[in-house]
Protein backbone atom coordinates (compact mmCIF):
# COMPACT_ATOMS: atom_id res chain seq x y z
CA MET A 1 9.43 -6.71 -12.16
CA VAL A 2 8.43 -4.08 -9.63
CA GLY A 3 10.31 -1.76 -7.31
CA PHE A 4 9.19 0.16 -4.27
CA TYR A 5 10.36 3.09 -2.20
CA ALA A 6 10.24 2.51 1.55
CA ARG A 7 11.16 4.28 4.76
CA ALA A 8 13.35 2.76 7.42
CA ASP A 9 14.47 3.89 10.86
CA SER A 10 18.24 4.28 10.59
CA THR A 11 18.52 4.40 14.38
CA GLN A 12 17.55 0.73 14.47
CA PRO A 13 19.97 -2.09 13.66
CA VAL A 14 19.77 -3.69 10.26
CA ARG A 15 18.78 -7.32 10.68
CA THR A 16 20.23 -9.90 8.33
CA ASP A 17 19.12 -12.94 10.32
CA LEU A 18 15.44 -12.93 9.37
CA ASP A 19 15.51 -14.92 6.13
CA ASN A 20 19.20 -15.55 5.36
CA GLU A 21 18.90 -13.58 2.11
CA LEU A 22 21.44 -10.92 3.13
CA ILE A 23 24.99 -11.58 4.26
CA ASP A 24 25.71 -7.99 5.30
CA ALA A 25 23.74 -4.74 5.44
CA ARG A 26 24.76 -1.24 6.51
CA TRP A 27 23.39 2.30 6.42
CA PHE A 28 25.02 4.85 4.10
CA THR A 29 24.45 8.58 4.02
CA ARG A 30 23.04 10.35 0.98
CA GLN A 31 26.47 11.98 0.52
CA GLU A 32 28.21 8.58 0.51
CA VAL A 33 25.77 7.20 -2.05
CA LEU A 34 26.11 10.29 -4.25
CA ALA A 35 29.89 10.00 -4.08
CA ALA A 36 29.70 6.36 -5.12
CA LEU A 37 27.25 7.17 -7.93
CA ASN A 38 29.56 9.92 -9.17
CA ARG A 39 32.70 7.92 -8.33
CA THR A 40 34.22 10.95 -6.61
CA SER A 41 35.63 9.22 -3.54
CA SER A 42 36.73 5.95 -2.05
CA CYS A 43 33.07 5.05 -1.38
CA GLU A 44 33.10 3.00 -4.56
CA SER A 45 35.30 0.48 -2.80
CA LEU A 46 32.93 0.37 0.21
CA PHE A 47 29.93 -0.90 -1.75
CA GLY A 48 28.82 -1.77 -5.24
CA LEU A 49 25.83 -0.25 -6.97
CA PRO A 50 23.43 -1.75 -9.49
CA SER A 51 23.49 -0.44 -13.04
CA ARG A 52 21.64 2.79 -13.83
CA THR A 53 19.10 0.85 -15.89
CA ALA A 54 18.24 -1.70 -13.18
CA ILE A 55 15.18 -0.98 -11.03
CA ALA A 56 17.36 -0.92 -7.92
CA GLY A 57 19.74 1.54 -9.61
CA VAL A 58 16.87 3.87 -10.50
CA LEU A 59 15.43 3.73 -6.96
CA ILE A 60 18.81 4.41 -5.36
CA ARG A 61 19.62 7.30 -7.72
CA ASP A 62 16.17 8.85 -7.23
CA TRP A 63 16.63 8.79 -3.44
CA ALA A 64 20.23 10.05 -3.54
CA GLU A 65 19.36 12.92 -5.87
CA GLY A 66 16.32 13.93 -3.79
CA ARG A 67 13.69 13.03 -6.38
CA ILE A 68 11.46 11.21 -3.91
CA SER A 69 9.66 12.48 -0.85
CA PHE A 70 7.80 10.83 1.96
CA ASP A 71 5.80 13.93 2.69
CA GLU A 72 2.30 12.53 3.30
CA THR A 73 0.63 15.68 1.95
CA GLU A 74 2.48 15.44 -1.37
CA GLN A 75 1.88 11.70 -1.61
CA ALA A 76 -1.85 12.16 -0.99
CA ARG A 77 -2.00 14.86 -3.68
CA ARG A 78 -0.50 12.40 -6.14
CA GLY A 79 -2.94 9.69 -5.09
CA MET A 80 -0.25 7.58 -3.48
CA LYS A 81 -0.60 5.76 -0.20
CA ILE A 82 2.24 5.30 2.26
CA VAL A 83 2.25 1.88 3.87
CA GLU A 84 4.55 1.18 6.77
CA ILE A 85 5.40 -2.45 7.43
CA HIS A 86 6.35 -3.38 10.97
């Protein structure tokens, strides 16, 4: 199994009609995700989160806790390539 970090334009609508895989999709702020991860607010009732050991759980936690960066200079230094899919 593999997991990927990606960038998205949150000013654009989330499309769920492209392949019928998603029923609903919404944007959440980093603060809302952190609150749900830490179960410190009512955000837990807004959305569920994968377990901490699942790839999706690791990716979400890394983003919410600021462990990833899309700074092209840093990515290049690490030998990583940013690919944008349109």
